[in-house]
Amino acid sequence: MIKVILGVLISVFVIVSTIVVLYWRDSNHDPSTSDFLIFFGLIPVAISMVIVMPFLLKKWIKDSQDKKKMEQEKAEHQQLVEEIPPHQIEWVNLNVFSSSTLSALGENQAIWEAMLEHKSPELDEKLLNGYGLPILSYRIAEVDEMLQQDLEQDQLHDEYVNSSQRQQRIEALIQQQLEQNTETLWAIAAHLKQSALFYEGQLAHEYRMHPAWINPHVEVEDEALSPHGIEQVARLNLLNIHLILAEDLLHLWDEQATQDKISTFLNALGIIPQKFHVELHYWGKETAYKEWMNLLQQIQKEEDTVSFVMAVDSEIDQETIDEKTWVSEHYLPSEFIGSCCIAKPSVVINELSPQKIIKIALNETKLFNTLEQLKSHTLAQFEQEQPFVVQLDDITDIRVVKRLEKNFAQTPIEQHHYLYMKPSVGQTEHIAKIFGFMLALQAPEDLLAMVYCCDLPQTQSLIQDYSIPEDLEQETV
């Protein structure tokens, strides 16, 4: 279209110029500067616009009609796909042995309560926008204290000090979460040892020589490590550590250093290298929730294995803010971490009881059907005003509103039952939905919590307290 406009403009300019020059020559006219501007500038452009305007208008109308038609066809196709009944509902069932979350709003259930109060971000004097003014952020003050304490104690290695502020804060959050779950990991370490001694005798020497299991005050061999003192326990072969990071850290993150730190921590608890595996994931905003569901399905298929999952991100970093403010002048950064220790229901760990149960129905388009199958459509919480549905999407998007109305149709769930997670994490969004799912694990014990995300409209996630009588423990195959 640009070539057509230029062609018309050049043609008109040549024709008008020829006519004007010939006229001025025959009439002996002495043109002024304004004459040149009018006859060689404005008039050719005006005539060209008059000629081209009908074609532009016609093309604009045609493009608008084509766009509208494509959107209509896309909507019809999407509706057709959603209305096709799934061949089979697939269930994901997992036990949650522990869970923990930390953000600027607080820790664990304190975050849940702060979200109900719609706590706002605070002015951050350490982060500046392009004008040199402080911006709002969700900064965790505890992380600043941890970094300052480590600096004073000279516990920061050279490569750690030379890393970005963002990486330092993420490393500090990971360390905090490992320490927060020490009791859980210790119980797993003890069970891994007992299981290895009973089922894998060749590892007995590894445990006898491990510093965590050596008692310097005992001169004789520990009966628990002797062939005759081993008690039978449920088999447990492996502890998987899954660390979920934002995809923009893929080529920046020092994986070896992180694995070494996690390995050192687990080794101090008495877990030998053969009994744990560390895996890092880098997920983006568009695919994170789908990858999360794939990971949960994978964990459910793992026999005699327990998984400890951490999802962490931080954009409380001036370099990151400088990059982001080029796109959005009012960028709102945050930092957070969530973790959970999960396994399939058949996995048993001594001295460690499940706290929550995760039930996920795949290929189910409406929550009503899931509640009917689990006989949970008449719970007392539906009559109360307390929120229990963690909504992971942007509620200001009209498409999200329509999707929520469709998914929760025929259920007693009202809008005041929704807990909107997105405002509490600002614009740090790569793995925010994973953090939101872990927040649902912090729901009050008397509530059946639910998680919904429009990225997977045919997935219904429910979380119940393990101590609740098994009203929901319907056979879900």
Protein backbone atom coordinates (compact mmCIF):
# COMPACT_ATOMS: atom_id res chain seq x y z
CA MET A 1 0.00 0.00 0.00
CA ILE A 2 2.93 2.33 0.69
CA LYS A 3 4.21 1.80 -2.85
CA VAL A 4 0.81 2.78 -4.24
CA ILE A 5 0.71 5.98 -2.16
CA LEU A 6 4.25 6.94 -3.18
CA GLY A 7 3.48 6.19 -6.83
CA VAL A 8 0.38 8.38 -6.79
CA LEU A 9 2.22 11.18 -4.99
CA ILE A 10 5.11 11.16 -7.47
CA SER A 11 2.78 11.04 -10.47
CA VAL A 12 0.67 13.92 -9.18
CA PHE A 13 3.78 15.91 -8.31
CA VAL A 14 5.19 15.49 -11.83
CA ILE A 15 1.90 16.41 -13.51
CA VAL A 16 1.21 19.44 -11.29
CA SER A 17 4.79 20.64 -11.54
CA THR A 18 4.75 20.40 -15.33
CA ILE A 19 1.48 22.31 -15.63
CA VAL A 20 2.56 25.02 -13.16
CA VAL A 21 5.98 25.52 -14.75
CA LEU A 22 4.50 25.78 -18.26
CA TYR A 23 1.83 28.22 -17.03
CA TRP A 24 4.34 30.41 -15.21
CA ARG A 25 6.58 30.48 -18.29
CA ASP A 26 3.78 31.49 -20.67
CA SER A 27 2.42 34.13 -18.27
CA ASN A 28 5.86 35.44 -17.27
CA HIS A 29 4.93 34.94 -13.59
CA ASP A 30 7.59 35.59 -10.95
CA PRO A 31 6.79 32.99 -8.22
CA SER A 32 7.43 33.73 -4.56
CA THR A 33 8.49 31.29 -1.82
CA SER A 34 4.89 30.74 -0.79
CA ASP A 35 4.00 29.93 -4.41
CA PHE A 36 6.60 27.18 -4.48
CA LEU A 37 5.32 25.80 -1.15
CA ILE A 38 1.71 25.81 -2.31
CA PHE A 39 2.07 24.55 -5.89
CA PHE A 40 4.94 22.11 -5.37
CA GLY A 41 4.01 20.93 -1.87
CA LEU A 42 0.52 21.37 -0.56
CA ILE A 43 -1.42 20.99 -3.82
CA PRO A 44 0.29 17.70 -4.93
CA VAL A 45 -0.18 16.23 -1.42
CA ALA A 46 -3.82 17.32 -1.25
CA ILE A 47 -4.63 15.92 -4.69
CA SER A 48 -2.82 12.66 -3.82
CA MET A 49 -4.81 12.31 -0.59
CA VAL A 50 -8.08 12.86 -2.45
CA ILE A 51 -7.15 10.16 -4.95
CA VAL A 52 -5.81 7.66 -2.39
CA MET A 53 -8.40 8.20 0.36
CA PRO A 54 -11.11 5.93 -1.17
CA PHE A 55 -8.57 3.11 -1.50
CA LEU A 56 -7.38 3.58 2.09
CA LEU A 57 -10.93 3.65 3.37
CA LYS A 58 -11.80 0.52 1.41
CA LYS A 59 -8.73 -1.31 2.72
CA TRP A 60 -9.44 -0.25 6.32
CA ILE A 61 -13.03 -1.53 6.08
CA LYS A 62 -11.85 -4.81 4.56
CA ASP A 63 -9.15 -5.30 7.22
CA SER A 64 -11.66 -4.57 9.99
CA GLN A 65 -14.12 -7.08 8.57
CA ASP A 66 -11.39 -9.71 8.18
CA LYS A 67 -10.17 -9.14 11.75
CA LYS A 68 -13.70 -9.35 13.13
CA LYS A 69 -14.32 -12.51 11.15
CA MET A 70 -11.10 -14.11 12.42
CA GLU A 71 -11.95 -13.25 16.03
CA GLN A 72 -15.42 -14.70 15.57
CA GLU A 73 -14.04 -17.90 14.05
CA LYS A 74 -11.48 -18.15 16.86
CA ALA A 75 -14.18 -17.68 19.50
CA GLU A 76 -16.40 -20.28 17.83
CA HIS A 77 -13.49 -22.70 17.63
CA GLN A 78 -12.59 -22.11 21.28
CA GLN A 79 -16.20 -22.64 22.33
CA LEU A 80 -16.39 -25.82 20.26
CA VAL A 81 -13.21 -27.14 21.85
CA GLU A 82 -14.48 -26.36 25.35
CA GLU A 83 -17.85 -27.96 24.74
CA ILE A 84 -16.38 -31.23 23.49
CA PRO A 85 -16.74 -33.61 26.45
CA PRO A 86 -13.43 -35.12 27.57
CA HIS A 87 -12.97 -38.80 26.99
CA GLN A 88 -11.82 -39.42 30.54
CA ILE A 89 -11.27 -37.36 33.68
CA GLU A 90 -7.73 -37.83 34.95
CA TRP A 91 -6.96 -37.31 38.63
CA VAL A 92 -3.78 -36.16 40.32
CA ASN A 93 -3.65 -37.00 44.03
CA LEU A 94 -0.75 -35.89 46.24
CA ASN A 95 -0.05 -35.70 49.95
CA VAL A 96 1.51 -32.51 51.30
CA PHE A 97 3.85 -33.14 54.24
CA SER A 98 4.84 -29.50 54.70
CA SER A 99 4.44 -26.15 53.00
CA SER A 100 5.82 -22.69 53.56
CA THR A 101 5.55 -19.28 51.88
CA LEU A 102 7.25 -15.94 52.39
CA SER A 103 6.61 -12.56 50.79
CA ALA A 104 6.49 -8.89 51.72
CA LEU A 105 3.01 -9.51 53.15
CA GLY A 106 4.34 -11.92 55.75
CA GLU A 107 4.79 -15.64 56.15
CA ASN A 108 2.42 -18.56 55.61
CA GLN A 109 -1.12 -17.81 56.84
CA ALA A 110 -0.16 -14.18 57.53
CA ILE A 111 0.03 -13.70 53.75
CA TRP A 112 -3.47 -15.12 53.36
CA GLU A 113 -4.79 -12.66 55.95
CA ALA A 114 -2.89 -9.71 54.42
CA MET A 115 -4.39 -10.48 51.02
CA LEU A 116 -7.85 -10.29 52.57
CA GLU A 117 -6.94 -6.83 53.87
CA HIS A 118 -5.60 -5.78 50.42
CA LYS A 119 -2.25 -4.67 51.80
CA SER A 120 -0.56 -2.13 49.53
CA PRO A 121 3.09 -1.93 48.43
CA GLU A 122 5.42 0.43 50.25
CA LEU A 123 7.71 3.20 49.03
CA ASP A 124 11.17 1.72 48.47
CA GLU A 125 13.93 4.27 49.06
CA LYS A 126 16.55 1.88 47.62
CA LEU A 127 14.90 1.48 44.20
CA LEU A 128 14.70 4.48 41.88
CA ASN A 129 12.88 5.10 38.61
CA GLY A 130 14.25 6.88 35.55
CA TYR A 131 13.72 10.26 37.23
CA GLY A 132 15.71 9.30 40.33
CA LEU A 133 12.59 9.02 42.50
CA PRO A 134 11.76 6.09 44.83
CA ILE A 135 9.24 3.57 43.55
CA LEU A 136 6.73 1.27 45.21
CA SER A 137 7.73 -2.35 45.80
CA TYR A 138 6.98 -5.50 47.76
CA ARG A 139 10.38 -5.84 49.49
CA ILE A 140 10.99 -8.50 52.17
CA ALA A 141 12.84 -6.74 54.98
CA GLU A 142 14.00 -10.08 56.37
CA VAL A 143 16.13 -10.66 53.26
CA ASP A 144 17.97 -7.38 53.83
CA GLU A 145 18.70 -8.46 57.38
CA MET A 146 19.96 -11.87 56.23
CA LEU A 147 22.31 -10.33 53.66
CA GLN A 148 23.61 -7.76 56.14
CA GLN A 149 24.20 -10.44 58.77
CA ASP A 150 26.09 -12.66 56.32
CA LEU A 151 28.17 -9.68 55.22
CA GLU A 152 29.10 -8.84 58.80
CA GLN A 153 30.05 -12.47 59.47
CA ASP A 154 32.08 -12.67 56.22
CA GLN A 155 29.98 -15.60 55.04
CA LEU A 156 29.58 -14.24 51.49
CA HIS A 157 31.95 -15.90 49.05
CA ASP A 158 33.64 -13.90 46.28
CA GLU A 159 31.41 -15.26 43.51
CA TYR A 160 28.37 -14.52 45.69
CA VAL A 161 29.41 -10.91 46.33
CA ASN A 162 30.13 -10.39 42.63
CA SER A 163 26.69 -11.66 41.61
CA SER A 164 23.76 -9.31 41.06
CA GLN A 165 21.57 -8.08 43.88
CA ARG A 166 18.73 -10.13 42.43
CA GLN A 167 20.72 -13.36 42.56
CA GLN A 168 21.92 -12.65 46.10
CA ARG A 169 18.36 -12.13 47.31
CA ILE A 170 17.11 -15.30 45.61
CA GLU A 171 19.96 -17.30 47.16
CA ALA A 172 19.07 -15.86 50.57
CA LEU A 173 15.42 -16.82 50.10
CA ILE A 174 16.41 -20.38 49.15
CA GLN A 175 18.59 -20.67 52.26
CA GLN A 176 15.76 -19.31 54.42
CA GLN A 177 13.32 -21.84 53.04
CA LEU A 178 15.68 -24.78 53.52
CA GLU A 179 16.19 -23.76 57.15
CA GLN A 180 12.45 -23.26 57.57
CA ASN A 181 11.87 -26.88 56.53
CA THR A 182 14.77 -28.40 58.44
CA GLU A 183 12.51 -30.54 60.62
CA THR A 184 10.74 -32.03 57.60
CA LEU A 185 13.99 -32.69 55.74
CA TRP A 186 15.50 -34.23 58.87
CA ALA A 187 12.63 -36.71 59.12
CA ILE A 188 13.10 -37.58 55.45
CA ALA A 189 16.85 -38.01 56.01
CA ALA A 190 16.25 -40.44 58.88
CA HIS A 191 13.73 -42.45 56.87
CA LEU A 192 16.03 -42.56 53.82
CA LYS A 193 18.75 -43.97 56.04
CA GLN A 194 16.52 -46.65 57.58
CA SER A 195 15.13 -47.59 54.18
CA ALA A 196 18.60 -47.84 52.63
CA LEU A 197 19.89 -50.01 55.48
CA PHE A 198 16.93 -52.39 55.26
CA TYR A 199 16.52 -52.64 51.48
CA GLU A 200 19.99 -51.69 50.22
CA GLY A 201 22.61 -53.19 52.48
CA GLN A 202 25.48 -52.01 50.26
CA LEU A 203 24.87 -48.44 51.47
CA ALA A 204 25.36 -49.35 55.14
CA HIS A 205 29.05 -48.44 54.98
CA GLU A 206 28.21 -45.01 53.52
CA TYR A 207 25.95 -44.27 56.48
CA ARG A 208 28.40 -45.66 59.05
CA MET A 209 31.04 -43.25 57.76
CA HIS A 210 28.75 -40.23 57.39
CA PRO A 211 29.51 -37.53 60.02
CA ALA A 212 25.84 -36.82 60.64
CA TRP A 213 25.26 -40.37 61.89
CA ILE A 214 28.47 -40.81 63.90
CA ASN A 215 28.21 -40.37 67.66
CA PRO A 216 31.73 -39.56 68.93
CA HIS A 217 30.71 -40.41 72.50
CA VAL A 218 29.77 -44.02 71.63
CA GLU A 219 32.62 -46.50 71.32
CA VAL A 220 30.54 -49.46 70.07
CA GLU A 221 28.68 -49.72 66.78
CA ASP A 222 25.23 -48.12 66.68
CA GLU A 223 22.62 -50.85 66.84
CA ALA A 224 20.52 -48.97 64.28
CA LEU A 225 23.37 -49.39 61.78
CA SER A 226 24.19 -52.99 62.63
CA PRO A 227 22.66 -55.80 60.58
CA HIS A 228 20.69 -57.05 63.57
CA GLY A 229 19.36 -53.64 64.66
CA ILE A 230 17.70 -52.58 61.43
CA GLU A 231 13.94 -52.17 61.63
CA GLN A 232 11.70 -52.58 58.63
CA VAL A 233 10.23 -49.34 57.31
CA ALA A 234 8.28 -48.31 54.25
CA ARG A 235 10.62 -48.09 51.31
CA LEU A 236 11.87 -44.61 50.36
CA ASN A 237 14.48 -44.43 47.64
CA LEU A 238 15.02 -40.79 46.77
CA LEU A 239 14.48 -37.14 47.70
CA ASN A 240 13.98 -34.92 44.66
CA ILE A 241 14.68 -31.20 45.03
CA HIS A 242 12.93 -29.09 42.38
CA LEU A 243 13.97 -25.43 42.22
CA ILE A 244 11.73 -23.28 39.98
CA LEU A 245 13.20 -20.00 38.72
CA ALA A 246 12.10 -17.33 36.25
CA GLU A 247 13.02 -17.99 32.63
CA ASP A 248 14.98 -14.72 32.30
CA LEU A 249 17.56 -16.22 34.70
CA LEU A 250 18.28 -19.16 32.38
CA HIS A 251 21.62 -17.89 31.06
CA LEU A 252 22.54 -15.92 34.17
CA TRP A 253 22.10 -18.38 37.01
CA ASP A 254 25.06 -20.27 38.49
CA GLU A 255 23.52 -23.74 38.67
CA GLN A 256 26.61 -25.44 40.03
CA ALA A 257 26.91 -23.03 42.97
CA THR A 258 23.23 -23.52 43.83
CA GLN A 259 23.47 -27.29 43.64
CA ASP A 260 26.59 -27.23 45.82
CA LYS A 261 24.84 -25.15 48.50
CA ILE A 262 21.76 -27.38 48.53
CA SER A 263 23.95 -30.49 48.58
CA THR A 264 25.94 -29.11 51.51
CA PHE A 265 22.74 -28.41 53.45
CA LEU A 266 21.30 -31.89 52.79
CA ASN A 267 24.62 -33.56 53.55
CA ALA A 268 24.66 -31.83 56.95
CA LEU A 269 21.29 -33.46 57.66
CA GLY A 270 22.74 -36.88 56.90
CA ILE A 271 21.47 -37.48 53.36
CA ILE A 272 24.14 -39.16 51.25
CA PRO A 273 24.54 -38.03 47.59
CA GLN A 274 23.01 -41.25 46.25
CA LYS A 275 19.71 -40.42 47.95
CA PHE A 276 18.90 -36.97 46.61
CA HIS A 277 18.69 -35.26 43.23
CA VAL A 278 18.57 -31.50 42.53
CA GLU A 279 16.85 -30.24 39.39
CA LEU A 280 16.41 -26.62 38.27
CA HIS A 281 13.50 -25.40 36.15
CA TYR A 282 13.19 -22.08 34.30
CA TRP A 283 9.60 -21.15 33.55
CA GLY A 284 7.97 -18.11 31.96
CA LYS A 285 4.70 -16.32 32.59
CA GLU A 286 2.83 -17.92 29.69
CA THR A 287 3.80 -21.54 30.38
CA ALA A 288 4.55 -21.73 34.12
CA TYR A 289 1.17 -23.05 35.27
CA LYS A 290 1.09 -25.72 32.55
CA GLU A 291 4.61 -26.79 33.47
CA TRP A 292 3.56 -26.90 37.12
CA MET A 293 0.72 -29.29 36.37
CA ASN A 294 3.07 -31.46 34.32
CA LEU A 295 5.49 -31.57 37.26
CA LEU A 296 2.73 -32.58 39.69
CA GLN A 297 1.67 -35.37 37.34
CA GLN A 298 5.27 -36.51 37.15
CA ILE A 299 5.63 -36.55 40.95
CA GLN A 300 2.45 -38.62 41.27
CA LYS A 301 4.00 -41.31 39.05
CA GLU A 302 7.22 -41.55 41.07
CA GLU A 303 7.34 -44.62 43.30
CA ASP A 304 9.01 -44.55 46.71
CA THR A 305 10.08 -40.93 46.14
CA VAL A 306 9.37 -37.68 47.95
CA SER A 307 9.79 -34.25 46.33
CA PHE A 308 10.66 -30.91 47.89
CA VAL A 309 9.69 -28.07 45.54
CA MET A 310 10.71 -24.42 45.81
CA ALA A 311 9.46 -21.58 43.57
CA VAL A 312 11.35 -18.33 44.08
CA ASP A 313 11.83 -14.99 42.36
CA SER A 314 12.98 -11.49 43.23
CA GLU A 315 13.13 -8.31 41.18
CA ILE A 316 14.22 -6.11 44.08
CA ASP A 317 17.28 -5.07 42.13
CA GLN A 318 18.15 -1.69 40.61
CA GLU A 319 19.57 -3.21 37.41
CA THR A 320 16.36 -5.16 36.87
CA ILE A 321 14.26 -2.07 37.57
CA ASP A 322 16.27 -0.05 35.04
CA GLU A 323 15.45 -2.65 32.40
CA LYS A 324 11.78 -2.97 33.31
CA THR A 325 11.04 0.76 33.50
CA TRP A 326 11.90 1.10 29.83
CA VAL A 327 8.75 -0.91 29.15
CA SER A 328 6.57 0.24 32.05
CA GLU A 329 7.27 3.54 33.80
CA HIS A 330 5.31 2.49 36.89
CA TYR A 331 6.78 -1.00 37.26
CA LEU A 332 5.94 -2.68 40.59
CA PRO A 333 8.55 -5.30 41.60
CA SER A 334 8.26 -7.91 44.33
CA GLU A 335 9.98 -10.95 45.76
CA PHE A 336 8.60 -14.18 47.16
CA ILE A 337 9.28 -17.85 47.74
CA GLY A 338 7.05 -20.84 48.29
CA SER A 339 7.89 -24.45 49.02
CA CYS A 340 6.11 -27.72 49.62
CA CYS A 341 7.10 -31.30 50.36
CA ILE A 342 4.82 -33.61 48.37
CA ALA A 343 4.54 -37.24 47.32
CA LYS A 344 2.01 -39.70 46.00
CA PRO A 345 -0.44 -41.04 48.63
CA SER A 346 1.29 -44.43 48.90
CA VAL A 347 4.53 -42.87 50.19
CA VAL A 348 4.89 -43.16 53.97
CA ILE A 349 7.53 -41.31 56.00
CA ASN A 350 8.24 -42.06 59.65
CA GLU A 351 7.66 -39.18 62.08
CA LEU A 352 6.05 -37.16 59.29
CA SER A 353 2.30 -37.01 58.70
CA PRO A 354 0.60 -35.36 55.72
CA GLN A 355 -0.90 -31.94 56.42
CA LYS A 356 -2.86 -31.39 53.22
CA ILE A 357 -4.20 -33.36 50.27
CA ILE A 358 -4.03 -32.03 46.72
CA LYS A 359 -6.73 -33.26 44.35
CA ILE A 360 -6.61 -32.12 40.73
CA ALA A 361 -9.18 -33.06 38.10
CA LEU A 362 -7.77 -32.82 34.57
CA ASN A 363 -10.00 -32.53 31.47
CA GLU A 364 -12.91 -31.21 33.55
CA THR A 365 -14.51 -28.04 32.17
CA LYS A 366 -16.75 -27.20 35.14
CA LEU A 367 -16.10 -27.23 38.87
CA PHE A 368 -19.70 -28.30 39.48
CA ASN A 369 -18.99 -31.76 38.06
CA THR A 370 -15.92 -32.14 40.27
CA LEU A 371 -17.79 -31.16 43.43
CA GLU A 372 -20.60 -33.55 42.53
CA GLN A 373 -18.19 -36.43 42.07
CA LEU A 374 -16.42 -35.68 45.36
CA LYS A 375 -19.75 -35.10 47.16
CA SER A 376 -18.62 -31.64 48.27
CA HIS A 377 -21.30 -29.40 46.79
CA THR A 378 -23.06 -28.80 50.13
CA LEU A 379 -20.18 -27.72 52.37
CA ALA A 380 -20.97 -25.13 55.05
CA GLN A 381 -18.21 -22.82 53.80
CA PHE A 382 -20.29 -22.02 50.71
CA GLU A 383 -22.76 -20.17 52.94
CA GLN A 384 -20.04 -18.10 54.59
CA GLU A 385 -18.28 -14.99 53.30
CA GLN A 386 -14.72 -16.18 53.88
CA PRO A 387 -12.75 -16.52 50.60
CA PHE A 388 -11.37 -19.94 49.70
CA VAL A 389 -10.86 -19.85 45.90
CA VAL A 390 -7.38 -18.60 44.99
CA GLN A 391 -7.72 -16.89 41.61
CA LEU A 392 -4.39 -16.63 39.76
CA ASP A 393 -5.37 -14.40 36.82
CA ASP A 394 -5.84 -10.67 36.25
CA ILE A 395 -9.43 -9.98 37.26
CA THR A 396 -9.42 -6.70 35.28
CA ASP A 397 -9.41 -8.75 32.07
CA ILE A 398 -13.00 -9.21 30.85
CA ARG A 399 -12.07 -12.61 29.39
CA VAL A 400 -11.05 -13.79 32.85
CA VAL A 401 -14.38 -12.65 34.29
CA LYS A 402 -16.31 -14.56 31.63
CA ARG A 403 -14.19 -17.67 32.16
CA LEU A 404 -14.80 -17.57 35.91
CA GLU A 405 -18.54 -17.23 35.40
CA LYS A 406 -18.55 -20.23 33.09
CA ASN A 407 -16.34 -22.46 35.24
CA PHE A 408 -18.18 -21.76 38.51
CA ALA A 409 -21.67 -21.86 37.00
CA GLN A 410 -24.21 -23.97 38.94
CA THR A 411 -21.98 -23.93 42.04
CA PRO A 412 -22.79 -22.01 45.24
CA ILE A 413 -19.49 -20.11 44.90
CA GLU A 414 -19.93 -16.32 44.71
CA GLN A 415 -17.52 -13.51 43.83
CA HIS A 416 -16.79 -12.78 47.49
CA HIS A 417 -15.35 -16.30 47.76
CA TYR A 418 -12.49 -15.36 45.40
CA LEU A 419 -9.05 -14.47 46.75
CA TYR A 420 -7.16 -12.53 44.09
CA MET A 421 -3.47 -13.32 44.30
CA LYS A 422 -2.07 -11.22 41.44
CA PRO A 423 -2.08 -7.77 43.15
CA SER A 424 0.11 -9.09 45.98
CA VAL A 425 3.05 -9.93 43.68
CA GLY A 426 3.06 -6.76 41.60
CA GLN A 427 4.48 -7.26 38.12
CA THR A 428 6.98 -9.99 39.02
CA GLU A 429 4.90 -12.54 37.16
CA HIS A 430 7.05 -15.31 35.67
CA ILE A 431 6.34 -17.88 38.39
CA ALA A 432 3.80 -15.90 40.42
CA LYS A 433 1.05 -18.43 39.67
CA ILE A 434 3.13 -21.24 41.17
CA PHE A 435 3.57 -19.14 44.29
CA GLY A 436 -0.20 -18.55 44.27
CA PHE A 437 -0.85 -22.29 44.19
CA MET A 438 1.43 -22.74 47.19
CA LEU A 439 -0.43 -19.93 48.97
CA ALA A 440 -3.56 -22.07 48.70
CA LEU A 441 -1.77 -24.65 50.86
CA GLN A 442 -1.87 -22.04 53.65
CA ALA A 443 -5.67 -21.88 53.70
CA PRO A 444 -7.30 -22.28 57.13
CA GLU A 445 -7.65 -25.90 58.18
CA ASP A 446 -11.44 -25.87 58.18
CA LEU A 447 -11.67 -24.80 54.52
CA LEU A 448 -11.65 -26.76 51.30
CA ALA A 449 -9.38 -24.49 49.25
CA MET A 450 -9.54 -24.27 45.48
CA VAL A 451 -7.16 -22.92 42.85
CA TYR A 452 -8.21 -21.82 39.39
CA CYS A 453 -6.21 -20.45 36.46
CA CYS A 454 -7.48 -19.55 32.99
CA ASP A 455 -4.27 -20.92 31.47
CA LEU A 456 -5.77 -24.38 32.02
CA PRO A 457 -9.56 -23.89 31.97
CA GLN A 458 -10.17 -27.64 32.04
CA THR A 459 -8.25 -28.18 35.29
CA GLN A 460 -9.90 -28.07 38.72
CA SER A 461 -7.59 -28.00 41.76
CA LEU A 462 -8.80 -28.64 45.31
CA ILE A 463 -6.82 -28.68 48.55
CA GLN A 464 -8.19 -30.11 51.78
CA ASP A 465 -6.77 -30.55 55.24
CA TYR A 466 -5.53 -34.08 55.89
CA SER A 467 -7.29 -34.24 59.25
CA ILE A 468 -10.73 -33.69 57.68
CA PRO A 469 -12.73 -36.93 57.55
CA GLU A 470 -12.43 -38.49 54.15
CA ASP A 471 -15.65 -37.05 52.75
CA LEU A 472 -13.70 -36.21 49.65
CA GLU A 473 -11.84 -39.47 49.46
CA GLN A 474 -14.05 -40.82 46.71
CA GLU A 475 -12.49 -43.37 44.45
CA THR A 476 -10.93 -41.11 41.80
CA VAL A 477 -9.45 -43.21 39.06
